[in-house]
Amino acid sequence: MTLELAKICRETGAFILTESENFKKSSIELKKGFSDLVSYVDKEAERRLVEALEVLLPGSGFIAEEGTGDKVEGGYNWIIDPLDGTTNFIHKLPVFAVSVGLIKGDELVSGVVFEINRDECFYAWKGGGAFCNELPIKVSNVTTLDGSLLATGFPYYDFDQMERYLKILDALMKQTHGLRRMGSAAVDLVYTACGRFEGYFEYNLNSWDVAAGILIVQEAGGTVTDFKGGDDFLFGRELIAGGAVHQKLFGEIKKYWRH
């Protein structure tokens, strides 16, 4: 099923890439504020995904960014971000992706992230390993912060925790090869899964931002926790993902973060 899912994500990505060539900012809509953006491309991409996934797995439910479909309690549910990195897309910054995860009950069982501009399709299924364009991927084996390049993100609303977060950024800037903000949580996660980043952390996330990427990191040999070191990372709105450096990254974050 995961390979069929990858094909569906690629087809949706092809639509998004075509639309990006002539997209006009006049098509932008606002959701929660001036920095929380959506367009007809997000909505049409989600419609196409849902239509194809209903055929792939009849009776499944949906947890989707643009609100299509209903969740099926206890059954199979697709968690969909049709265009992760909408702001990048709108500004023609070529870092955006299609992200689709599948859960059974509360367990992630399949995930695909298609990074559209690089034509890289990352995918994994429970117990099956992680891949990019059919080649196996693994997380970084770097164990120290001073040998690590890290990814993060910034909230676009709800800035209540920013003072603490800035302290974390300050500490990690001074101890690592640097921090990168790509503008797509799905991309951050799969780049961590294949070792381009040693680790990634962010708060104020939604499940559709991270569902597929979480499984891909885990199946690539990585660790994912919430900011407390626990397992409330799919719907808990915060996570730390990493390879061998995960524990040191978690240790640094918990110095400054309070729940």
C-alpha atoms as a PDB file:
ATOM      1  CA  MET A   1       0.000   0.000   0.000  1.00  0.00           C
ATOM      2  CA  THR A   2       2.833   2.433   0.788  1.00  0.00           C
ATOM      3  CA  LEU A   3       4.140   2.315  -2.776  1.00  0.00           C
ATOM      4  CA  GLU A   4       0.638   3.043  -4.087  1.00  0.00           C
ATOM      5  CA  LEU A   5       0.467   5.934  -1.621  1.00  0.00           C
ATOM      6  CA  ALA A   6       3.802   7.229  -2.905  1.00  0.00           C
ATOM      7  CA  LYS A   7       2.435   7.210  -6.455  1.00  0.00           C
ATOM      8  CA  ILE A   8      -0.618   9.203  -5.368  1.00  0.00           C
ATOM      9  CA  CYS A   9       1.579  11.760  -3.584  1.00  0.00           C
ATOM     10  CA  ARG A  10       3.796  12.100  -6.669  1.00  0.00           C
ATOM     11  CA  GLU A  11       0.754  12.723  -8.877  1.00  0.00           C
ATOM     12  CA  THR A  12      -0.512  15.396  -6.480  1.00  0.00           C
ATOM     13  CA  GLY A  13       2.951  16.928  -6.357  1.00  0.00           C
ATOM     14  CA  ALA A  14       3.007  17.159 -10.142  1.00  0.00           C
ATOM     15  CA  PHE A  15      -0.221  19.171 -10.015  1.00  0.00           C
ATOM     16  CA  ILE A  16       1.264  21.509  -7.379  1.00  0.00           C
ATOM     17  CA  LEU A  17       4.458  22.018  -9.373  1.00  0.00           C
ATOM     18  CA  THR A  18       2.485  22.885 -12.501  1.00  0.00           C
ATOM     19  CA  GLU A  19       0.379  25.407 -10.603  1.00  0.00           C
ATOM     20  CA  SER A  20       3.472  26.996  -9.040  1.00  0.00           C
ATOM     21  CA  GLU A  21       4.612  28.259 -12.431  1.00  0.00           C
ATOM     22  CA  ASN A  22       1.736  30.720 -12.809  1.00  0.00           C
ATOM     23  CA  PHE A  23       0.551  31.156  -9.227  1.00  0.00           C
ATOM     24  CA  LYS A  24      -0.433  34.727  -8.305  1.00  0.00           C
ATOM     25  CA  LYS A  25      -0.404  36.105  -4.769  1.00  0.00           C
ATOM     26  CA  SER A  26      -3.879  37.485  -5.359  1.00  0.00           C
ATOM     27  CA  SER A  27      -5.089  33.890  -4.875  1.00  0.00           C
ATOM     28  CA  ILE A  28      -3.986  33.829  -1.228  1.00  0.00           C
ATOM     29  CA  GLU A  29      -6.517  33.384   1.572  1.00  0.00           C
ATOM     30  CA  LEU A  30      -5.882  33.965   5.287  1.00  0.00           C
ATOM     31  CA  LYS A  31      -6.780  31.434   7.968  1.00  0.00           C
ATOM     32  CA  LYS A  32      -5.792  32.393  11.535  1.00  0.00           C
ATOM     33  CA  GLY A  33      -3.780  35.506  10.724  1.00  0.00           C
ATOM     34  CA  PHE A  34      -1.739  37.336   8.139  1.00  0.00           C
ATOM     35  CA  SER A  35       1.018  34.696   8.247  1.00  0.00           C
ATOM     36  CA  ASP A  36      -1.271  31.616   8.180  1.00  0.00           C
ATOM     37  CA  LEU A  37      -1.910  31.235   4.469  1.00  0.00           C
ATOM     38  CA  VAL A  38      -3.853  28.942   2.153  1.00  0.00           C
ATOM     39  CA  SER A  39      -4.675  28.921  -1.551  1.00  0.00           C
ATOM     40  CA  TYR A  40      -6.811  27.096  -4.088  1.00  0.00           C
ATOM     41  CA  VAL A  41      -3.754  24.884  -4.725  1.00  0.00           C
ATOM     42  CA  ASP A  42      -3.826  23.512  -1.143  1.00  0.00           C
ATOM     43  CA  LYS A  43      -7.550  22.864  -1.382  1.00  0.00           C
ATOM     44  CA  GLU A  44      -7.464  21.211  -4.785  1.00  0.00           C
ATOM     45  CA  ALA A  45      -4.437  19.098  -3.829  1.00  0.00           C
ATOM     46  CA  GLU A  46      -6.294  17.887  -0.736  1.00  0.00           C
ATOM     47  CA  ARG A  47      -9.398  17.080  -2.787  1.00  0.00           C
ATOM     48  CA  ARG A  48      -7.326  14.984  -5.186  1.00  0.00           C
ATOM     49  CA  LEU A  49      -5.580  13.154  -2.345  1.00  0.00           C
ATOM     50  CA  VAL A  50      -8.806  12.337  -0.538  1.00  0.00           C
ATOM     51  CA  GLU A  51     -10.462  11.100  -3.728  1.00  0.00           C
ATOM     52  CA  ALA A  52      -7.556   8.752  -4.481  1.00  0.00           C
ATOM     53  CA  LEU A  53      -7.134   7.550  -0.894  1.00  0.00           C
ATOM     54  CA  GLU A  54     -10.812   6.672  -0.568  1.00  0.00           C
ATOM     55  CA  VAL A  55     -10.272   4.284  -3.462  1.00  0.00           C
ATOM     56  CA  LEU A  56      -7.003   2.946  -2.053  1.00  0.00           C
ATOM     57  CA  LEU A  57      -8.486   2.181   1.367  1.00  0.00           C
ATOM     58  CA  PRO A  58     -12.305   2.209   1.355  1.00  0.00           C
ATOM     59  CA  GLY A  59     -13.905   3.113   4.676  1.00  0.00           C
ATOM     60  CA  SER A  60     -10.893   5.008   5.992  1.00  0.00           C
ATOM     61  CA  GLY A  61     -11.199   8.405   7.640  1.00  0.00           C
ATOM     62  CA  PHE A  62      -9.325  11.656   7.261  1.00  0.00           C
ATOM     63  CA  ILE A  63      -7.563  14.208   9.439  1.00  0.00           C
ATOM     64  CA  ALA A  64      -6.698  16.873   6.900  1.00  0.00           C
ATOM     65  CA  GLU A  65      -5.332  20.406   7.148  1.00  0.00           C
ATOM     66  CA  GLU A  66      -8.018  21.942   4.972  1.00  0.00           C
ATOM     67  CA  GLY A  67     -10.783  20.035   6.734  1.00  0.00           C
ATOM     68  CA  THR A  68     -11.841  17.470   4.127  1.00  0.00           C
ATOM     69  CA  GLY A  69     -13.480  14.283   5.405  1.00  0.00           C
ATOM     70  CA  ASP A  70     -14.146  12.890   8.872  1.00  0.00           C
ATOM     71  CA  LYS A  71     -12.113  10.835  11.304  1.00  0.00           C
ATOM     72  CA  VAL A  72     -13.092   7.179  11.850  1.00  0.00           C
ATOM     73  CA  GLU A  73     -12.756   6.352  15.539  1.00  0.00           C
ATOM     74  CA  GLY A  74     -10.499   3.346  16.145  1.00  0.00           C
ATOM     75  CA  GLY A  75     -10.016   2.577  12.473  1.00  0.00           C
ATOM     76  CA  TYR A  76      -7.702   3.646   9.686  1.00  0.00           C
ATOM     77  CA  ASN A  77      -7.266   7.381   9.241  1.00  0.00           C
ATOM     78  CA  TRP A  78      -5.192   9.330   6.751  1.00  0.00           C
ATOM     79  CA  ILE A  79      -3.420  12.401   8.165  1.00  0.00           C
ATOM     80  CA  ILE A  80      -2.912  14.787   5.266  1.00  0.00           C
ATOM     81  CA  ASP A  81      -1.003  17.964   4.591  1.00  0.00           C
ATOM     82  CA  PRO A  82      -1.566  18.518   0.879  1.00  0.00           C
ATOM     83  CA  LEU A  83       1.027  21.292   0.663  1.00  0.00           C
ATOM     84  CA  ASP A  84       3.397  21.568   3.611  1.00  0.00           C
ATOM     85  CA  GLY A  85       5.280  24.803   3.106  1.00  0.00           C
ATOM     86  CA  THR A  86       2.448  26.902   1.675  1.00  0.00           C
ATOM     87  CA  THR A  87       4.222  30.168   2.474  1.00  0.00           C
ATOM     88  CA  ASN A  88       7.317  28.939   0.642  1.00  0.00           C
ATOM     89  CA  PHE A  89       5.131  27.949  -2.304  1.00  0.00           C
ATOM     90  CA  ILE A  90       3.442  31.351  -2.428  1.00  0.00           C
ATOM     91  CA  HIS A  91       6.796  33.158  -2.372  1.00  0.00           C
ATOM     92  CA  LYS A  92       8.296  30.738  -4.916  1.00  0.00           C
ATOM     93  CA  LEU A  93      10.841  29.411  -2.430  1.00  0.00           C
ATOM     94  CA  PRO A  94      11.352  25.828  -3.661  1.00  0.00           C
ATOM     95  CA  VAL A  95      10.917  23.924  -0.389  1.00  0.00           C
ATOM     96  CA  PHE A  96       7.449  22.383  -0.100  1.00  0.00           C
ATOM     97  CA  ALA A  97       6.025  18.896   0.038  1.00  0.00           C
ATOM     98  CA  VAL A  98       3.022  16.603   0.032  1.00  0.00           C
ATOM     99  CA  SER A  99       2.773  14.732   3.338  1.00  0.00           C
ATOM    100  CA  VAL A 100       0.425  11.806   4.042  1.00  0.00           C
ATOM    101  CA  GLY A 101       0.508   9.488   7.048  1.00  0.00           C
ATOM    102  CA  LEU A 102      -1.757   6.559   7.894  1.00  0.00           C
ATOM    103  CA  ILE A 103      -2.706   5.549  11.412  1.00  0.00           C
ATOM    104  CA  LYS A 104      -4.608   2.526  12.668  1.00  0.00           C
ATOM    105  CA  GLY A 105      -6.106   3.544  15.968  1.00  0.00           C
ATOM    106  CA  ASP A 106      -3.279   5.650  17.386  1.00  0.00           C
ATOM    107  CA  GLU A 107      -0.396   3.804  15.676  1.00  0.00           C
ATOM    108  CA  LEU A 108       1.387   5.160  12.625  1.00  0.00           C
ATOM    109  CA  VAL A 109       1.623   2.413  10.008  1.00  0.00           C
ATOM    110  CA  SER A 110       2.584   4.169   6.768  1.00  0.00           C
ATOM    111  CA  GLY A 111       3.905   7.524   5.636  1.00  0.00           C
ATOM    112  CA  VAL A 112       5.009   9.373   2.513  1.00  0.00           C
ATOM    113  CA  VAL A 113       6.608  12.791   2.091  1.00  0.00           C
ATOM    114  CA  PHE A 114       7.140  13.894  -1.492  1.00  0.00           C
ATOM    115  CA  GLU A 115       9.529  16.854  -1.695  1.00  0.00           C
ATOM    116  CA  ILE A 116       8.275  18.294  -4.935  1.00  0.00           C
ATOM    117  CA  ASN A 117      11.090  20.486  -6.225  1.00  0.00           C
ATOM    118  CA  ARG A 118      13.867  17.937  -5.724  1.00  0.00           C
ATOM    119  CA  ASP A 119      11.652  15.082  -6.902  1.00  0.00           C
ATOM    120  CA  GLU A 120      12.483  13.118  -3.750  1.00  0.00           C
ATOM    121  CA  CYS A 121       9.893  10.694  -2.441  1.00  0.00           C
ATOM    122  CA  PHE A 122      10.516   9.570   1.141  1.00  0.00           C
ATOM    123  CA  TYR A 123       8.403   6.718   2.483  1.00  0.00           C
ATOM    124  CA  ALA A 124       8.182   4.114   5.223  1.00  0.00           C
ATOM    125  CA  TRP A 125       5.848   1.515   6.633  1.00  0.00           C
ATOM    126  CA  LYS A 126       5.797   0.044  10.115  1.00  0.00           C
ATOM    127  CA  GLY A 127       8.615  -2.476  10.470  1.00  0.00           C
ATOM    128  CA  GLY A 128       9.682  -2.079   6.850  1.00  0.00           C
ATOM    129  CA  GLY A 129      12.440   0.523   6.985  1.00  0.00           C
ATOM    130  CA  ALA A 130      12.630   3.949   5.369  1.00  0.00           C
ATOM    131  CA  PHE A 131      13.470   4.880   1.795  1.00  0.00           C
ATOM    132  CA  CYS A 132      14.040   7.792  -0.559  1.00  0.00           C
ATOM    133  CA  ASN A 133      13.362   7.090  -4.235  1.00  0.00           C
ATOM    134  CA  GLU A 134      13.656   3.348  -3.513  1.00  0.00           C
ATOM    135  CA  LEU A 135      17.023   3.609  -1.732  1.00  0.00           C
ATOM    136  CA  PRO A 136      17.235   2.835   2.021  1.00  0.00           C
ATOM    137  CA  ILE A 137      17.953   5.790   4.309  1.00  0.00           C
ATOM    138  CA  LYS A 138      19.367   6.049   7.827  1.00  0.00           C
ATOM    139  CA  VAL A 139      19.666   8.803  10.399  1.00  0.00           C
ATOM    140  CA  SER A 140      23.007  10.398  11.218  1.00  0.00           C
ATOM    141  CA  ASN A 141      25.345   8.601  13.607  1.00  0.00           C
ATOM    142  CA  VAL A 142      26.904  11.872  14.859  1.00  0.00           C
ATOM    143  CA  THR A 143      26.685  11.816  18.646  1.00  0.00           C
ATOM    144  CA  THR A 144      27.748  15.351  19.597  1.00  0.00           C
ATOM    145  CA  LEU A 145      26.032  18.721  19.293  1.00  0.00           C
ATOM    146  CA  ASP A 146      29.260  20.331  18.106  1.00  0.00           C
ATOM    147  CA  GLY A 147      29.189  18.020  15.097  1.00  0.00           C
ATOM    148  CA  SER A 148      25.509  18.564  14.325  1.00  0.00           C
ATOM    149  CA  LEU A 149      23.448  20.636  11.928  1.00  0.00           C
ATOM    150  CA  LEU A 150      19.935  21.081  13.307  1.00  0.00           C
ATOM    151  CA  ALA A 151      16.578  22.142  11.907  1.00  0.00           C
ATOM    152  CA  THR A 152      13.823  24.036  13.643  1.00  0.00           C
ATOM    153  CA  GLY A 153      10.752  26.117  12.891  1.00  0.00           C
ATOM    154  CA  PHE A 154       9.030  29.222  14.223  1.00  0.00           C
ATOM    155  CA  PRO A 155       5.357  29.605  15.114  1.00  0.00           C
ATOM    156  CA  TYR A 156       3.119  31.710  12.897  1.00  0.00           C
ATOM    157  CA  TYR A 157       0.645  32.348  15.718  1.00  0.00           C
ATOM    158  CA  ASP A 158       0.517  31.676  19.499  1.00  0.00           C
ATOM    159  CA  PHE A 159       3.799  33.267  20.536  1.00  0.00           C
ATOM    160  CA  ASP A 160       3.388  32.673  24.285  1.00  0.00           C
ATOM    161  CA  GLN A 161       6.436  30.396  24.517  1.00  0.00           C
ATOM    162  CA  MET A 162       8.775  32.480  22.381  1.00  0.00           C
ATOM    163  CA  GLU A 163      10.943  33.788  25.227  1.00  0.00           C
ATOM    164  CA  ARG A 164      11.849  30.241  26.286  1.00  0.00           C
ATOM    165  CA  TYR A 165      12.215  29.118  22.694  1.00  0.00           C
ATOM    166  CA  LEU A 166      14.647  31.918  21.907  1.00  0.00           C
ATOM    167  CA  LYS A 167      16.797  30.790  24.829  1.00  0.00           C
ATOM    168  CA  ILE A 168      16.931  27.303  23.300  1.00  0.00           C
ATOM    169  CA  LEU A 169      17.892  28.748  19.917  1.00  0.00           C
ATOM    170  CA  ASP A 170      20.583  30.882  21.525  1.00  0.00           C
ATOM    171  CA  ALA A 171      22.088  27.901  23.341  1.00  0.00           C
ATOM    172  CA  LEU A 172      22.062  25.638  20.289  1.00  0.00           C
ATOM    173  CA  MET A 173      23.440  28.270  17.919  1.00  0.00           C
ATOM    174  CA  LYS A 174      26.530  28.412  20.109  1.00  0.00           C
ATOM    175  CA  GLN A 175      27.031  24.639  20.320  1.00  0.00           C
ATOM    176  CA  THR A 176      26.343  23.318  16.819  1.00  0.00           C
ATOM    177  CA  HIS A 177      27.241  23.722  13.158  1.00  0.00           C
ATOM    178  CA  GLY A 178      24.089  25.846  12.946  1.00  0.00           C
ATOM    179  CA  LEU A 179      20.306  25.941  12.828  1.00  0.00           C
ATOM    180  CA  ARG A 180      18.224  25.863   9.675  1.00  0.00           C
ATOM    181  CA  ARG A 181      14.593  26.917   9.210  1.00  0.00           C
ATOM    182  CA  MET A 182      13.296  25.329   5.999  1.00  0.00           C
ATOM    183  CA  GLY A 183       9.640  26.304   6.417  1.00  0.00           C
ATOM    184  CA  SER A 184       8.270  22.772   6.131  1.00  0.00           C
ATOM    185  CA  ALA A 185       8.130  20.397   9.097  1.00  0.00           C
ATOM    186  CA  ALA A 186       7.665  17.439   6.761  1.00  0.00           C
ATOM    187  CA  VAL A 187      10.894  18.309   4.936  1.00  0.00           C
ATOM    188  CA  ASP A 188      12.746  18.888   8.216  1.00  0.00           C
ATOM    189  CA  LEU A 189      11.751  15.422   9.391  1.00  0.00           C
ATOM    190  CA  VAL A 190      12.709  13.520   6.250  1.00  0.00           C
ATOM    191  CA  TYR A 191      15.988  15.408   5.987  1.00  0.00           C
ATOM    192  CA  THR A 192      16.646  14.241   9.540  1.00  0.00           C
ATOM    193  CA  ALA A 193      15.673  10.704   8.530  1.00  0.00           C
ATOM    194  CA  CYS A 194      18.281  10.621   5.769  1.00  0.00           C
ATOM    195  CA  GLY A 195      21.032  12.280   7.830  1.00  0.00           C
ATOM    196  CA  ARG A 196      21.127  15.733   6.253  1.00  0.00           C
ATOM    197  CA  PHE A 197      20.168  17.089   9.653  1.00  0.00           C
ATOM    198  CA  GLU A 198      21.299  15.438  12.857  1.00  0.00           C
ATOM    199  CA  GLY A 199      18.115  16.561  14.567  1.00  0.00           C
ATOM    200  CA  TYR A 200      14.990  18.672  14.395  1.00  0.00           C
ATOM    201  CA  PHE A 201      12.775  20.285  17.021  1.00  0.00           C
ATOM    202  CA  GLU A 202       9.719  22.518  16.944  1.00  0.00           C
ATOM    203  CA  TYR A 203       6.576  23.405  18.897  1.00  0.00           C
ATOM    204  CA  ASN A 204       3.109  24.598  17.883  1.00  0.00           C
ATOM    205  CA  LEU A 205       2.836  21.818  15.301  1.00  0.00           C
ATOM    206  CA  ASN A 206      -0.212  20.040  13.929  1.00  0.00           C
ATOM    207  CA  SER A 207      -0.544  16.308  13.342  1.00  0.00           C
ATOM    208  CA  TRP A 208      -0.687  16.750   9.562  1.00  0.00           C
ATOM    209  CA  ASP A 209       2.656  18.591   9.644  1.00  0.00           C
ATOM    210  CA  VAL A 210       4.472  15.638  11.159  1.00  0.00           C
ATOM    211  CA  ALA A 211       2.587  12.325  10.890  1.00  0.00           C
ATOM    212  CA  ALA A 212       4.358  10.900   7.854  1.00  0.00           C
ATOM    213  CA  GLY A 213       7.752  12.297   8.829  1.00  0.00           C
ATOM    214  CA  ILE A 214       7.621  10.823  12.318  1.00  0.00           C
ATOM    215  CA  LEU A 215       7.297   7.287  10.987  1.00  0.00           C
ATOM    216  CA  ILE A 216       9.995   7.862   8.377  1.00  0.00           C
ATOM    217  CA  VAL A 217      12.438   9.046  11.068  1.00  0.00           C
ATOM    218  CA  GLN A 218      11.597   6.094  13.311  1.00  0.00           C
ATOM    219  CA  GLU A 219      11.959   3.556  10.519  1.00  0.00           C
ATOM    220  CA  ALA A 220      15.285   5.165   9.538  1.00  0.00           C
ATOM    221  CA  GLY A 221      16.578   4.313  13.010  1.00  0.00           C
ATOM    222  CA  GLY A 222      15.883   7.648  14.684  1.00  0.00           C
ATOM    223  CA  THR A 223      14.166   8.681  17.897  1.00  0.00           C
ATOM    224  CA  VAL A 224      11.142  10.948  18.248  1.00  0.00           C
ATOM    225  CA  THR A 225       9.892  12.358  21.561  1.00  0.00           C
ATOM    226  CA  ASP A 226       7.949  15.332  22.814  1.00  0.00           C
ATOM    227  CA  PHE A 227       9.751  18.100  24.734  1.00  0.00           C
ATOM    228  CA  LYS A 228       9.298  16.114  27.969  1.00  0.00           C
ATOM    229  CA  GLY A 229      10.960  13.032  26.524  1.00  0.00           C
ATOM    230  CA  GLY A 230       7.613  11.253  26.207  1.00  0.00           C
ATOM    231  CA  ASP A 231       5.525   9.947  23.354  1.00  0.00           C
ATOM    232  CA  ASP A 232       2.899  12.692  22.989  1.00  0.00           C
ATOM    233  CA  PHE A 233       4.367  13.962  19.729  1.00  0.00           C
ATOM    234  CA  LEU A 234       1.760  13.171  17.066  1.00  0.00           C
ATOM    235  CA  PHE A 235      -1.067  15.250  18.528  1.00  0.00           C
ATOM    236  CA  GLY A 236       0.876  16.971  21.321  1.00  0.00           C
ATOM    237  CA  ARG A 237       2.026  19.879  19.105  1.00  0.00           C
ATOM    238  CA  GLU A 238       5.758  19.560  19.869  1.00  0.00           C
ATOM    239  CA  LEU A 239       8.534  17.140  19.021  1.00  0.00           C
ATOM    240  CA  ILE A 240      12.234  16.431  18.959  1.00  0.00           C
ATOM    241  CA  ALA A 241      13.489  14.070  16.252  1.00  0.00           C
ATOM    242  CA  GLY A 242      17.040  12.942  15.792  1.00  0.00           C
ATOM    243  CA  GLY A 243      19.632  10.343  15.128  1.00  0.00           C
ATOM    244  CA  ALA A 244      22.384   9.506  17.589  1.00  0.00           C
ATOM    245  CA  VAL A 245      22.418  13.077  18.972  1.00  0.00           C
ATOM    246  CA  HIS A 246      18.767  12.980  20.081  1.00  0.00           C
ATOM    247  CA  GLN A 247      19.436  12.547  23.795  1.00  0.00           C
ATOM    248  CA  LYS A 248      21.892  15.454  23.910  1.00  0.00           C
ATOM    249  CA  LEU A 249      19.481  17.642  21.966  1.00  0.00           C
ATOM    250  CA  PHE A 250      16.659  16.715  24.336  1.00  0.00           C
ATOM    251  CA  GLY A 251      18.898  17.444  27.314  1.00  0.00           C
ATOM    252  CA  GLU A 252      19.606  20.947  26.066  1.00  0.00           C
ATOM    253  CA  ILE A 253      15.966  21.735  25.289  1.00  0.00           C
ATOM    254  CA  LYS A 254      14.665  20.580  28.676  1.00  0.00           C
ATOM    255  CA  LYS A 255      16.957  23.075  30.440  1.00  0.00           C
ATOM    256  CA  TYR A 256      14.806  25.906  29.164  1.00  0.00           C
ATOM    257  CA  TRP A 257      11.396  24.443  28.371  1.00  0.00           C
ATOM    258  CA  ARG A 258       8.667  24.293  30.990  1.00  0.00           C
ATOM    259  CA  HIS A 259       5.160  22.923  30.546  1.00  0.00           C
END
